[in-house]
C-alpha atoms as a PDB file:
ATOM      1  CA  MET A   1       7.295  10.856 -27.521  1.00  0.00           C
ATOM      2  CA  GLU A   2       8.067  12.326 -24.169  1.00  0.00           C
ATOM      3  CA  ALA A   3       4.161  11.605 -23.220  1.00  0.00           C
ATOM      4  CA  SER A   4       4.574   7.950 -24.824  1.00  0.00           C
ATOM      5  CA  VAL A   5       7.391   7.230 -22.783  1.00  0.00           C
ATOM      6  CA  LEU A   6       5.272   8.191 -19.379  1.00  0.00           C
ATOM      7  CA  TYR A   7       2.684   6.078 -20.847  1.00  0.00           C
ATOM      8  CA  GLY A   8       4.506   3.242 -21.041  1.00  0.00           C
ATOM      9  CA  GLN A   9       5.868   3.656 -17.762  1.00  0.00           C
ATOM     10  CA  ALA A  10       2.468   3.729 -16.325  1.00  0.00           C
ATOM     11  CA  CYS A  11       0.430   1.154 -18.067  1.00  0.00           C
ATOM     12  CA  GLY A  12       2.420  -2.592 -17.525  1.00  0.00           C
ATOM     13  CA  ALA A  13      -0.261  -4.453 -20.535  1.00  0.00           C
ATOM     14  CA  HIS A  14       1.770  -2.167 -22.707  1.00  0.00           C
ATOM     15  CA  ARG A  15       5.483  -1.429 -20.722  1.00  0.00           C
ATOM     16  CA  ASP A  16       7.590  -2.409 -23.114  1.00  0.00           C
ATOM     17  CA  ARG A  17       5.832  -1.191 -26.576  1.00  0.00           C
ATOM     18  CA  GLY A  18       4.764   2.996 -25.434  1.00  0.00           C
ATOM     19  CA  VAL A  19       2.447   4.549 -27.579  1.00  0.00           C
ATOM     20  CA  GLN A  20       3.060   5.687 -31.004  1.00  0.00           C
ATOM     21  CA  ARG A  21       1.429   9.001 -31.900  1.00  0.00           C
ATOM     22  CA  GLY A  22       0.523   8.930 -35.630  1.00  0.00           C
ATOM     23  CA  GLU A  23       0.842  12.437 -37.522  1.00  0.00           C
ATOM     24  CA  GLY A  24      -2.381  14.361 -38.769  1.00  0.00           C
ATOM     25  CA  ARG A  25      -4.976  11.772 -37.343  1.00  0.00           C
ATOM     26  CA  ARG A  26      -7.928  13.775 -35.899  1.00  0.00           C
ATOM     27  CA  ILE A  27      -8.119  15.754 -32.638  1.00  0.00           C
ATOM     28  CA  ASP A  28     -10.463  13.775 -30.727  1.00  0.00           C
ATOM     29  CA  GLU A  29      -8.503  10.607 -31.651  1.00  0.00           C
ATOM     30  CA  CYS A  30      -5.449  12.111 -29.831  1.00  0.00           C
ATOM     31  CA  HIS A  31      -7.948  13.430 -26.926  1.00  0.00           C
ATOM     32  CA  GLU A  32      -8.793   9.837 -26.493  1.00  0.00           C
ATOM     33  CA  GLU A  33      -5.402   8.313 -26.857  1.00  0.00           C
ATOM     34  CA  HIS A  34      -4.308  10.727 -24.393  1.00  0.00           C
ATOM     35  CA  ALA A  35      -7.239  10.105 -22.180  1.00  0.00           C
ATOM     36  CA  THR A  36      -6.845   6.223 -21.642  1.00  0.00           C
ATOM     37  CA  SER A  37      -3.410   6.718 -20.962  1.00  0.00           C
ATOM     38  CA  VAL A  38      -4.693   8.795 -17.685  1.00  0.00           C
ATOM     39  CA  LYS A  39      -6.979   5.788 -17.076  1.00  0.00           C
ATOM     40  CA  TYR A  40      -4.078   3.301 -16.842  1.00  0.00           C
ATOM     41  CA  ALA A  41      -1.796   5.813 -14.554  1.00  0.00           C
ATOM     42  CA  PHE A  42      -5.061   6.379 -12.262  1.00  0.00           C
ATOM     43  CA  PHE A  43      -5.564   2.564 -12.065  1.00  0.00           C
ATOM     44  CA  PHE A  44      -1.495   2.450 -10.854  1.00  0.00           C
ATOM     45  CA  GLY A  45      -2.266   4.885  -7.927  1.00  0.00           C
ATOM     46  CA  ARG A  46      -2.106   8.529  -8.299  1.00  0.00           C
ATOM     47  CA  HIS A  47      -2.428  11.157  -5.280  1.00  0.00           C
ATOM     48  CA  VAL A  48      -5.936  12.927  -4.976  1.00  0.00           C
ATOM     49  CA  ASN A  49      -4.659  16.942  -5.297  1.00  0.00           C
ATOM     50  CA  THR A  50      -2.706  15.530  -8.927  1.00  0.00           C
ATOM     51  CA  SER A  51      -6.064  13.521  -9.732  1.00  0.00           C
ATOM     52  CA  GLY A  52      -7.967  16.990  -9.409  1.00  0.00           C
ATOM     53  CA  GLU A  53      -5.298  18.943 -11.502  1.00  0.00           C
ATOM     54  CA  THR A  54      -5.677  16.621 -14.258  1.00  0.00           C
ATOM     55  CA  PHE A  55      -9.543  16.529 -14.109  1.00  0.00           C
ATOM     56  CA  LEU A  56      -9.292  20.202 -14.861  1.00  0.00           C
ATOM     57  CA  ILE A  57      -6.487  19.910 -17.608  1.00  0.00           C
ATOM     58  CA  LEU A  58      -8.208  16.489 -19.104  1.00  0.00           C
ATOM     59  CA  SER A  59     -11.768  18.595 -18.706  1.00  0.00           C
ATOM     60  CA  ARG A  60     -10.819  21.191 -20.786  1.00  0.00           C
ATOM     61  CA  CYS A  61      -9.473  19.668 -23.606  1.00  0.00           C
ATOM     62  CA  LYS A  62     -12.525  19.965 -25.877  1.00  0.00           C
ATOM     63  CA  SER A  63     -12.873  23.668 -24.939  1.00  0.00           C
ATOM     64  CA  VAL A  64      -9.131  24.037 -26.032  1.00  0.00           C
ATOM     65  CA  VAL A  65     -10.035  22.359 -29.572  1.00  0.00           C
ATOM     66  CA  ARG A  66     -12.903  24.530 -30.372  1.00  0.00           C
ATOM     67  CA  ALA A  67     -10.869  27.455 -29.010  1.00  0.00           C
ATOM     68  CA  ARG A  68      -7.281  27.136 -31.063  1.00  0.00           C
ATOM     69  CA  ALA A  69      -8.528  24.800 -33.899  1.00  0.00           C
ATOM     70  CA  ALA A  70      -5.158  25.959 -35.317  1.00  0.00           C
ATOM     71  CA  ASN A  71      -2.683  24.384 -32.808  1.00  0.00           C
ATOM     72  CA  ALA A  72      -4.989  22.107 -30.918  1.00  0.00           C
ATOM     73  CA  SER A  73      -3.228  19.118 -31.351  1.00  0.00           C
ATOM     74  CA  THR A  74       0.204  20.602 -29.661  1.00  0.00           C
ATOM     75  CA  THR A  75      -1.918  22.132 -27.106  1.00  0.00           C
ATOM     76  CA  LEU A  76      -3.698  19.522 -26.112  1.00  0.00           C
ATOM     77  CA  HIS A  77      -0.492  17.439 -26.118  1.00  0.00           C
ATOM     78  CA  ASP A  78       1.358  19.977 -24.137  1.00  0.00           C
ATOM     79  CA  LEU A  79      -1.674  19.589 -21.638  1.00  0.00           C
ATOM     80  CA  HIS A  80      -1.733  16.144 -21.166  1.00  0.00           C
ATOM     81  CA  LYS A  81       1.961  15.840 -21.290  1.00  0.00           C
ATOM     82  CA  ASP A  82       2.358  18.167 -18.088  1.00  0.00           C
ATOM     83  CA  GLY A  83      -1.130  16.281 -16.414  1.00  0.00           C
ATOM     84  CA  PHE A  84       0.839  13.284 -16.677  1.00  0.00           C
ATOM     85  CA  ARG A  85       4.350  14.550 -15.088  1.00  0.00           C
ATOM     86  CA  ARG A  86       2.285  15.676 -12.345  1.00  0.00           C
ATOM     87  CA  LEU A  87       0.460  12.178 -12.232  1.00  0.00           C
ATOM     88  CA  LEU A  88       3.638   9.921 -12.137  1.00  0.00           C
ATOM     89  CA  SER A  89       4.933  11.647  -8.762  1.00  0.00           C
ATOM     90  CA  PHE A  90       2.458  10.654  -6.477  1.00  0.00           C
ATOM     91  CA  GLY A  91       0.630   7.744  -5.012  1.00  0.00           C
ATOM     92  CA  ARG A  92      -3.233   7.178  -4.900  1.00  0.00           C
ATOM     93  CA  CYS A  93      -5.283   3.916  -4.242  1.00  0.00           C
ATOM     94  CA  HIS A  94      -6.471   2.713  -7.710  1.00  0.00           C
ATOM     95  CA  ARG A  95     -10.017   2.544  -6.814  1.00  0.00           C
ATOM     96  CA  THR A  96     -10.285   6.233  -6.295  1.00  0.00           C
ATOM     97  CA  GLY A  97      -8.999   6.414  -9.687  1.00  0.00           C
ATOM     98  CA  ALA A  98     -11.223   4.567 -11.193  1.00  0.00           C
ATOM     99  CA  GLU A  99     -14.158   6.922  -9.821  1.00  0.00           C
ATOM    100  CA  ALA A 100     -12.102   9.968 -10.761  1.00  0.00           C
ATOM    101  CA  ILE A 101     -12.710   8.357 -14.472  1.00  0.00           C
ATOM    102  CA  ARG A 102     -16.255   7.956 -14.221  1.00  0.00           C
ATOM    103  CA  ARG A 103     -16.453  11.673 -12.774  1.00  0.00           C
ATOM    104  CA  LEU A 104     -14.454  12.749 -15.644  1.00  0.00           C
ATOM    105  CA  ASP A 105     -16.729  11.593 -18.086  1.00  0.00           C
ATOM    106  CA  VAL A 106     -19.501  13.150 -16.623  1.00  0.00           C
ATOM    107  CA  ARG A 107     -18.395  16.176 -16.364  1.00  0.00           C
ATOM    108  CA  GLU A 108     -16.465  16.386 -20.301  1.00  0.00           C
ATOM    109  CA  GLU A 109     -20.267  15.459 -21.742  1.00  0.00           C
ATOM    110  CA  SER A 110     -21.168  18.745 -19.424  1.00  0.00           C
ATOM    111  CA  SER A 111     -18.423  20.574 -21.052  1.00  0.00           C
ATOM    112  CA  MET A 112     -19.584  19.811 -24.209  1.00  0.00           C
ATOM    113  CA  SER A 113     -23.026  20.727 -23.815  1.00  0.00           C
ATOM    114  CA  ASN A 114     -21.929  24.078 -21.957  1.00  0.00           C
ATOM    115  CA  PRO A 115     -18.126  24.949 -23.503  1.00  0.00           C
ATOM    116  CA  ASN A 116     -18.619  28.286 -21.673  1.00  0.00           C
ATOM    117  CA  SER A 117     -18.733  26.845 -18.512  1.00  0.00           C
ATOM    118  CA  GLN A 118     -16.510  26.896 -15.632  1.00  0.00           C
ATOM    119  CA  VAL A 119     -14.843  23.506 -14.808  1.00  0.00           C
ATOM    120  CA  HIS A 120     -13.565  22.714 -11.466  1.00  0.00           C
ATOM    121  CA  PRO A 121     -11.403  20.271 -10.221  1.00  0.00           C
ATOM    122  CA  PRO A 122     -13.429  17.820  -7.301  1.00  0.00           C
ATOM    123  CA  ARG A 123     -12.222  18.380  -3.716  1.00  0.00           C
ATOM    124  CA  ALA A 124     -10.624  15.449  -1.668  1.00  0.00           C
ATOM    125  CA  SER A 125     -13.659  15.450  -0.101  1.00  0.00           C
ATOM    126  CA  LEU A 126     -15.709  14.496  -3.051  1.00  0.00           C
ATOM    127  CA  LEU A 127     -13.669  11.532  -3.829  1.00  0.00           C
ATOM    128  CA  PRO A 128     -14.762   7.949  -2.432  1.00  0.00           C
ATOM    129  CA  THR A 129     -13.170   6.015   0.180  1.00  0.00           C
ATOM    130  CA  PRO A 130     -11.073   3.109  -1.576  1.00  0.00           C
ATOM    131  CA  THR A 131     -13.637   0.202  -2.454  1.00  0.00           C
ATOM    132  CA  MET A 132     -12.681  -2.851  -0.435  1.00  0.00           C
ATOM    133  CA  VAL A 133     -14.872  -5.734   0.516  1.00  0.00           C
ATOM    134  CA  LYS A 134     -14.343  -6.912   4.391  1.00  0.00           C
ATOM    135  CA  LEU A 135     -14.385 -10.563   5.558  1.00  0.00           C
ATOM    136  CA  SER A 136     -17.327  -9.483   7.554  1.00  0.00           C
ATOM    137  CA  ALA A 137     -19.676  -9.057   5.080  1.00  0.00           C
ATOM    138  CA  LEU A 138     -19.375 -12.318   3.464  1.00  0.00           C
ATOM    139  CA  PRO A 139     -21.697 -15.092   4.622  1.00  0.00           C
ATOM    140  CA  THR A 140     -20.096 -18.037   5.845  1.00  0.00           C
ATOM    141  CA  LEU A 141     -20.575 -21.756   4.359  1.00  0.00           C
ATOM    142  CA  ARG A 142     -22.936 -22.170   7.665  1.00  0.00           C
ATOM    143  CA  GLN A 143     -25.353 -19.281   6.803  1.00  0.00           C
ATOM    144  CA  VAL A 144     -25.168 -20.724   3.402  1.00  0.00           C
ATOM    145  CA  TYR A 145     -26.312 -23.952   4.353  1.00  0.00           C
ATOM    146  CA  ALA A 146     -28.801 -22.505   6.434  1.00  0.00           C
ATOM    147  CA  SER A 147     -30.650 -20.961   3.512  1.00  0.00           C
ATOM    148  CA  GLY A 148     -31.168 -23.600   2.164  1.00  0.00           C
ATOM    149  CA  LEU A 149     -28.215 -25.030  -0.043  1.00  0.00           C
ATOM    150  CA  SER A 150     -28.278 -28.189  -1.537  1.00  0.00           C
ATOM    151  CA  ILE A 151     -26.157 -31.119   0.559  1.00  0.00           C
ATOM    152  CA  SER A 152     -24.657 -34.064  -1.382  1.00  0.00           C
ATOM    153  CA  PRO A 153     -26.169 -37.192  -0.751  1.00  0.00           C
ATOM    154  CA  SER A 154     -22.578 -39.172  -0.439  1.00  0.00           C
ATOM    155  CA  PRO A 155     -20.249 -36.644   1.066  1.00  0.00           C
ATOM    156  CA  ARG A 156     -16.259 -38.062   1.289  1.00  0.00           C
ATOM    157  CA  TYR A 157     -15.510 -36.669   4.857  1.00  0.00           C
ATOM    158  CA  LYS A 158     -17.398 -35.985   8.219  1.00  0.00           C
ATOM    159  CA  CYS A 159     -18.924 -32.402   9.030  1.00  0.00           C
ATOM    160  CA  LEU A 160     -15.429 -30.507  10.235  1.00  0.00           C
ATOM    161  CA  PRO A 161     -17.607 -27.914  12.469  1.00  0.00           C
ATOM    162  CA  LYS A 162     -14.973 -25.189  12.239  1.00  0.00           C
ATOM    163  CA  ALA A 163     -15.153 -24.870   8.713  1.00  0.00           C
ATOM    164  CA  LEU A 164     -18.256 -24.168   8.272  1.00  0.00           C
ATOM    165  CA  ASP A 165     -17.838 -20.547  10.010  1.00  0.00           C
ATOM    166  CA  LEU A 166     -14.431 -19.980   7.923  1.00  0.00           C
ATOM    167  CA  LEU A 167     -15.490 -20.990   4.589  1.00  0.00           C
ATOM    168  CA  THR A 168     -17.031 -18.603   1.847  1.00  0.00           C
ATOM    169  CA  ILE A 169     -18.134 -18.829  -1.575  1.00  0.00           C
ATOM    170  CA  TRP A 170     -18.154 -15.326  -3.019  1.00  0.00           C
ATOM    171  CA  LYS A 171     -18.789 -13.952  -6.509  1.00  0.00           C
ATOM    172  CA  GLY A 172     -16.853 -10.843  -6.695  1.00  0.00           C
ATOM    173  CA  ASP A 173     -13.726  -8.932  -7.972  1.00  0.00           C
ATOM    174  CA  ILE A 174     -10.697 -10.699  -6.134  1.00  0.00           C
ATOM    175  CA  THR A 175      -8.642  -7.235  -6.182  1.00  0.00           C
ATOM    176  CA  GLU A 176     -11.135  -5.790  -3.304  1.00  0.00           C
ATOM    177  CA  LEU A 177     -11.137  -8.342  -1.133  1.00  0.00           C
ATOM    178  CA  GLU A 178      -9.375  -7.523   2.364  1.00  0.00           C
ATOM    179  CA  SER A 179      -7.353 -10.357   3.649  1.00  0.00           C
ATOM    180  CA  ASP A 180      -4.441 -11.044   5.013  1.00  0.00           C
ATOM    181  CA  ALA A 181      -3.466 -12.832   1.625  1.00  0.00           C
ATOM    182  CA  ILE A 182      -5.036 -13.371  -1.876  1.00  0.00           C
ATOM    183  CA  VAL A 183      -3.686 -16.003  -4.472  1.00  0.00           C
ATOM    184  CA  ASN A 184      -2.756 -14.840  -7.846  1.00  0.00           C
ATOM    185  CA  ALA A 185      -3.555 -17.318 -10.812  1.00  0.00           C
ATOM    186  CA  ALA A 186      -0.296 -16.127 -12.233  1.00  0.00           C
ATOM    187  CA  ASN A 187       2.100 -17.291 -15.095  1.00  0.00           C
ATOM    188  CA  LYS A 188       5.681 -18.588 -14.781  1.00  0.00           C
ATOM    189  CA  SER A 189       7.064 -14.744 -15.096  1.00  0.00           C
ATOM    190  CA  LEU A 190       5.472 -13.847 -12.699  1.00  0.00           C
ATOM    191  CA  LEU A 191       5.112 -10.581 -14.334  1.00  0.00           C
ATOM    192  CA  GLY A 192       1.560 -10.194 -15.442  1.00  0.00           C
ATOM    193  CA  GLY A 193      -0.784 -11.241 -17.691  1.00  0.00           C
ATOM    194  CA  GLY A 194      -4.672 -11.581 -18.755  1.00  0.00           C
ATOM    195  CA  GLY A 195      -7.480 -12.549 -16.459  1.00  0.00           C
ATOM    196  CA  VAL A 196      -6.968 -12.455 -13.188  1.00  0.00           C
ATOM    197  CA  ASP A 197      -3.436 -11.858 -13.062  1.00  0.00           C
ATOM    198  CA  GLY A 198      -3.533  -8.464 -14.778  1.00  0.00           C
ATOM    199  CA  ALA A 199      -6.311  -7.376 -12.915  1.00  0.00           C
ATOM    200  CA  ILE A 200      -4.076  -8.122 -10.013  1.00  0.00           C
ATOM    201  CA  HIS A 201      -1.022  -6.414 -11.293  1.00  0.00           C
ATOM    202  CA  ARG A 202      -3.458  -3.371 -12.608  1.00  0.00           C
ATOM    203  CA  ALA A 203      -5.053  -2.822  -9.333  1.00  0.00           C
ATOM    204  CA  ALA A 204      -1.598  -3.423  -6.889  1.00  0.00           C
ATOM    205  CA  GLY A 205       0.602  -1.061  -8.994  1.00  0.00           C
ATOM    206  CA  ASP A 206       4.022  -0.668 -10.565  1.00  0.00           C
ATOM    207  CA  GLU A 207       5.661  -1.558  -7.197  1.00  0.00           C
ATOM    208  CA  LEU A 208       4.255  -4.898  -7.563  1.00  0.00           C
ATOM    209  CA  TYR A 209       5.745  -5.769 -11.318  1.00  0.00           C
ATOM    210  CA  GLU A 210       9.151  -4.689  -9.712  1.00  0.00           C
ATOM    211  CA  GLU A 211       9.125  -7.066  -6.500  1.00  0.00           C
ATOM    212  CA  CYS A 212       8.182  -9.732  -8.820  1.00  0.00           C
ATOM    213  CA  LYS A 213      10.950  -8.989 -11.537  1.00  0.00           C
ATOM    214  CA  SER A 214      12.860  -9.901  -8.478  1.00  0.00           C
ATOM    215  CA  LEU A 215      11.672 -13.375  -7.995  1.00  0.00           C
ATOM    216  CA  GLY A 216      12.934 -14.904 -11.009  1.00  0.00           C
ATOM    217  CA  GLY A 217       9.793 -16.588 -11.784  1.00  0.00           C
ATOM    218  CA  ALA A 218       8.706 -19.832 -10.296  1.00  0.00           C
ATOM    219  CA  ASN A 219       7.240 -23.336 -12.346  1.00  0.00           C
ATOM    220  CA  THR A 220       3.706 -24.783 -12.541  1.00  0.00           C
ATOM    221  CA  GLY A 221       2.973 -25.686  -9.106  1.00  0.00           C
ATOM    222  CA  GLU A 222       5.061 -23.153  -7.138  1.00  0.00           C
ATOM    223  CA  ALA A 223       4.079 -20.136  -5.380  1.00  0.00           C
ATOM    224  CA  LYS A 224       5.922 -17.501  -4.183  1.00  0.00           C
ATOM    225  CA  ILE A 225       4.890 -14.344  -2.063  1.00  0.00           C
ATOM    226  CA  THR A 226       5.080 -10.877  -2.609  1.00  0.00           C
ATOM    227  CA  ARG A 227       3.861  -7.417  -0.721  1.00  0.00           C
ATOM    228  CA  ALA A 228       0.200  -6.403  -2.193  1.00  0.00           C
ATOM    229  CA  TYR A 229       0.855  -2.582  -2.171  1.00  0.00           C
ATOM    230  CA  ALA A 230      -2.265  -0.307  -3.427  1.00  0.00           C
ATOM    231  CA  LEU A 231      -4.627  -3.590  -2.831  1.00  0.00           C
ATOM    232  CA  PRO A 232      -6.291  -3.715   0.255  1.00  0.00           C
ATOM    233  CA  SER A 233      -4.982  -7.297   0.944  1.00  0.00           C
ATOM    234  CA  LYS A 234      -1.792  -7.378   2.993  1.00  0.00           C
ATOM    235  CA  HIS A 235      -0.196  -9.810   0.397  1.00  0.00           C
ATOM    236  CA  VAL A 236      -0.054 -11.436  -2.946  1.00  0.00           C
ATOM    237  CA  ILE A 237       0.282 -15.255  -3.145  1.00  0.00           C
ATOM    238  CA  HIS A 238       1.646 -15.947  -6.878  1.00  0.00           C
ATOM    239  CA  ALA A 239       0.371 -19.797  -7.878  1.00  0.00           C
ATOM    240  CA  VAL A 240       1.463 -20.709 -11.202  1.00  0.00           C
ATOM    241  CA  GLY A 241      -0.918 -22.894 -12.172  1.00  0.00           C
ATOM    242  CA  PRO A 242      -1.061 -25.623 -14.949  1.00  0.00           C
ATOM    243  CA  VAL A 243      -1.885 -25.758 -18.642  1.00  0.00           C
ATOM    244  CA  TYR A 244      -4.430 -28.335 -18.695  1.00  0.00           C
ATOM    245  CA  VAL A 245      -3.731 -30.991 -21.593  1.00  0.00           C
ATOM    246  CA  LYS A 246      -5.864 -34.107 -21.907  1.00  0.00           C
ATOM    247  CA  GLY A 247      -4.122 -37.497 -21.586  1.00  0.00           C
ATOM    248  CA  LYS A 248      -1.910 -36.075 -18.714  1.00  0.00           C
ATOM    249  CA  GLU A 249      -4.627 -35.108 -16.145  1.00  0.00           C
ATOM    250  CA  ASP A 250      -2.575 -37.296 -13.182  1.00  0.00           C
ATOM    251  CA  GLU A 251       0.330 -34.892 -14.445  1.00  0.00           C
ATOM    252  CA  LYS A 252      -1.587 -32.063 -14.476  1.00  0.00           C
ATOM    253  CA  ALA A 253      -3.835 -32.606 -11.041  1.00  0.00           C
ATOM    254  CA  GLN A 254      -0.489 -33.061  -8.941  1.00  0.00           C
ATOM    255  CA  GLN A 255       0.423 -29.547 -10.244  1.00  0.00           C
ATOM    256  CA  LEU A 256      -2.669 -27.667  -9.411  1.00  0.00           C
ATOM    257  CA  ALA A 257      -3.270 -29.218  -6.096  1.00  0.00           C
ATOM    258  CA  SER A 258       0.610 -28.140  -5.731  1.00  0.00           C
ATOM    259  CA  CYS A 259      -0.520 -24.696  -6.034  1.00  0.00           C
ATOM    260  CA  TYR A 260      -2.833 -24.880  -3.309  1.00  0.00           C
ATOM    261  CA  SER A 261      -0.770 -26.244  -0.470  1.00  0.00           C
ATOM    262  CA  ALA A 262       2.287 -23.938  -1.706  1.00  0.00           C
ATOM    263  CA  SER A 263      -0.289 -21.012  -1.310  1.00  0.00           C
ATOM    264  CA  PHE A 264      -1.274 -22.402   2.238  1.00  0.00           C
ATOM    265  CA  ALA A 265       2.216 -22.929   3.427  1.00  0.00           C
ATOM    266  CA  LEU A 266       3.089 -19.364   2.448  1.00  0.00           C
ATOM    267  CA  ALA A 267       0.255 -18.230   4.030  1.00  0.00           C
ATOM    268  CA  VAL A 268       1.110 -19.864   7.608  1.00  0.00           C
ATOM    269  CA  GLN A 269       4.652 -18.873   7.078  1.00  0.00           C
ATOM    270  CA  ASN A 270       3.599 -15.588   6.910  1.00  0.00           C
ATOM    271  CA  GLN A 271       1.130 -15.435   9.906  1.00  0.00           C
ATOM    272  CA  CYS A 272      -1.797 -15.020   7.123  1.00  0.00           C
ATOM    273  CA  LYS A 273      -4.974 -15.944   8.938  1.00  0.00           C
ATOM    274  CA  SER A 274      -7.207 -14.993   6.075  1.00  0.00           C
ATOM    275  CA  ILE A 275      -7.082 -16.067   1.877  1.00  0.00           C
ATOM    276  CA  GLY A 276      -8.731 -15.743  -0.926  1.00  0.00           C
ATOM    277  CA  PHE A 277      -8.429 -18.061  -3.496  1.00  0.00           C
ATOM    278  CA  PRO A 278      -9.317 -17.228  -7.275  1.00  0.00           C
ATOM    279  CA  SER A 279     -10.652 -20.543  -9.835  1.00  0.00           C
ATOM    280  CA  ILE A 280      -6.972 -21.294 -10.948  1.00  0.00           C
ATOM    281  CA  SER A 281      -5.893 -22.565 -13.865  1.00  0.00           C
ATOM    282  CA  THR A 282      -9.961 -22.691 -15.543  1.00  0.00           C
ATOM    283  CA  GLY A 283      -9.316 -19.690 -17.702  1.00  0.00           C
ATOM    284  CA  ILE A 284      -7.154 -19.324 -20.425  1.00  0.00           C
ATOM    285  CA  TYR A 285      -5.029 -22.834 -19.085  1.00  0.00           C
ATOM    286  CA  GLY A 286      -8.191 -24.652 -19.922  1.00  0.00           C
ATOM    287  CA  TYR A 287      -8.817 -26.562 -16.607  1.00  0.00           C
ATOM    288  CA  PRO A 288     -12.382 -28.070 -16.354  1.00  0.00           C
ATOM    289  CA  MET A 289     -14.206 -26.016 -13.326  1.00  0.00           C
ATOM    290  CA  ALA A 290     -15.463 -29.188 -12.116  1.00  0.00           C
ATOM    291  CA  ASP A 291     -12.148 -30.947 -11.823  1.00  0.00           C
ATOM    292  CA  ALA A 292     -10.348 -27.593 -10.676  1.00  0.00           C
ATOM    293  CA  THR A 293     -12.907 -27.351  -7.681  1.00  0.00           C
ATOM    294  CA  HIS A 294     -12.788 -30.917  -6.757  1.00  0.00           C
ATOM    295  CA  ILE A 295      -8.912 -30.179  -6.187  1.00  0.00           C
ATOM    296  CA  ALA A 296      -9.386 -26.638  -4.782  1.00  0.00           C
ATOM    297  CA  LEU A 297     -11.878 -28.303  -2.140  1.00  0.00           C
ATOM    298  CA  ASP A 298      -9.745 -31.789  -1.295  1.00  0.00           C
ATOM    299  CA  MET A 299      -6.549 -29.682  -0.694  1.00  0.00           C
ATOM    300  CA  THR A 300      -8.524 -26.929   1.616  1.00  0.00           C
ATOM    301  CA  ARG A 301      -9.633 -30.009   3.628  1.00  0.00           C
ATOM    302  CA  LYS A 302      -6.635 -31.858   3.836  1.00  0.00           C
ATOM    303  CA  PHE A 303      -5.013 -27.970   5.177  1.00  0.00           C
ATOM    304  CA  LEU A 304      -7.910 -27.200   7.365  1.00  0.00           C
ATOM    305  CA  GLU A 305      -7.619 -31.156   8.945  1.00  0.00           C
ATOM    306  CA  GLY A 306      -3.702 -30.610   9.271  1.00  0.00           C
ATOM    307  CA  PRO A 307      -1.747 -28.917  12.375  1.00  0.00           C
ATOM    308  CA  GLU A 308      -1.332 -25.443  10.610  1.00  0.00           C
ATOM    309  CA  GLY A 309      -4.609 -25.440   9.705  1.00  0.00           C
ATOM    310  CA  ALA A 310      -5.620 -24.025  13.099  1.00  0.00           C
ATOM    311  CA  MET A 311      -4.643 -20.416  12.619  1.00  0.00           C
ATOM    312  CA  MET A 312      -6.182 -20.070   9.716  1.00  0.00           C
ATOM    313  CA  GLU A 313      -9.499 -18.261  10.062  1.00  0.00           C
ATOM    314  CA  ARG A 314     -11.139 -17.542   6.777  1.00  0.00           C
ATOM    315  CA  VAL A 315     -10.658 -18.817   3.546  1.00  0.00           C
ATOM    316  CA  VAL A 316     -12.765 -17.206   0.453  1.00  0.00           C
ATOM    317  CA  PHE A 317     -12.664 -18.733  -2.731  1.00  0.00           C
ATOM    318  CA  VAL A 318     -13.454 -16.230  -5.458  1.00  0.00           C
ATOM    319  CA  VAL A 319     -15.149 -16.858  -8.483  1.00  0.00           C
ATOM    320  CA  PHE A 320     -15.961 -14.881 -11.749  1.00  0.00           C
ATOM    321  CA  SER A 321     -19.227 -15.733 -12.615  1.00  0.00           C
ATOM    322  CA  GLU A 322     -22.734 -17.430 -11.177  1.00  0.00           C
ATOM    323  CA  LYS A 323     -22.197 -20.500 -13.062  1.00  0.00           C
ATOM    324  CA  ASP A 324     -18.819 -20.947 -11.487  1.00  0.00           C
ATOM    325  CA  LYS A 325     -19.959 -19.985  -8.362  1.00  0.00           C
ATOM    326  CA  ALA A 326     -23.071 -23.137  -8.796  1.00  0.00           C
ATOM    327  CA  VAL A 327     -19.910 -25.514  -9.515  1.00  0.00           C
ATOM    328  CA  TYR A 328     -18.405 -24.641  -5.796  1.00  0.00           C
ATOM    329  CA  GLU A 329     -22.149 -24.607  -4.332  1.00  0.00           C
ATOM    330  CA  ASP A 330     -22.548 -28.006  -6.128  1.00  0.00           C
ATOM    331  CA  LEU A 331     -19.385 -29.438  -4.911  1.00  0.00           C
ATOM    332  CA  VAL A 332     -18.843 -27.788  -1.682  1.00  0.00           C
ATOM    333  CA  SER A 333     -20.968 -30.162   0.614  1.00  0.00           C
ATOM    334  CA  VAL A 334     -18.651 -33.237  -0.625  1.00  0.00           C
ATOM    335  CA  TYR A 335     -15.957 -31.919   0.616  1.00  0.00           C
ATOM    336  CA  PHE A 336     -17.449 -29.723   4.164  1.00  0.00           C
ATOM    337  CA  PRO A 337     -20.521 -31.663   4.882  1.00  0.00           C
ATOM    338  CA  PRO A 338     -23.065 -29.721   7.228  1.00  0.00           C
ATOM    339  CA  GLU A 339     -23.578 -30.473  10.852  1.00  0.00           C
ATOM    340  CA  GLU A 340     -25.952 -33.451  10.993  1.00  0.00           C
ATOM    341  CA  SER A 341     -29.532 -31.748  12.260  1.00  0.00           C
ATOM    342  CA  LYS A 342     -30.611 -32.559  16.208  1.00  0.00           C
ATOM    343  CA  GLU A 343     -33.669 -32.789  15.601  1.00  0.00           C
END
């Protein structure tokens, strides 16, 4: 059970369950179970040298099965158990681990096609630097307008020139955004969940879970801030969005608006000059995308017009799909119209 316990420690999604190893299962099923465990451990950030050792262990598994059929299950378990001990003893960015897994799959295929080949662990120089998206690589709203983005004929506000140079609508992975803060669409426990919440917890690592345990949860509309750990951002602001309920639109709108205002307030208090927002509550919580986007844009406009808005240098709306991005692009000019042409 030792490897199972270690797996439970490494994988936040299965923290309280661990892994139960059934008796008499096929060897390849045992291999896949352990490989999955190691993948989760990689995503919690491990040391490059240990990654190399684990590469070697896992890459030899198929050969071990062939060479020692009688005792393959025990041998395989012991190899993985030893690799797991080493793996959990160090720290490394999860993105390197993700690439390591990809390389591992390639090496395993090579090993299967040539079981007598010598498999070597990768050198540190062969592993990529962590993937991150710099703010300077993302187009501003001004640049998007210049490229021909359609404009609403009925804006609610006048042009706010500074906003054109600090707002971005980006379809991407919020866990890769290099900013002072990213906002997590959290649940009341703040201990991780599905969607964006789960992705952020997996990418940040176990330390985020441990810090969140000390926060005592949060109510709907509230936000709390933590360090970002293995993420490229500096902080994670955990905002608890509302579960959408028909017939309570006004109440839910106030709660969602509070998520944005509370997040901006925490960003200011912690000297965060850049922040990335997901579309809070639009996933499993069921908030209509267009309604939620109106609130996100309106609260951002009000913040930027206020006295504390002067310190903010970048606000990124991070969306999951092209469909969601289109909603933001359709509505952004209602709240942030472009400058009038001087022609």
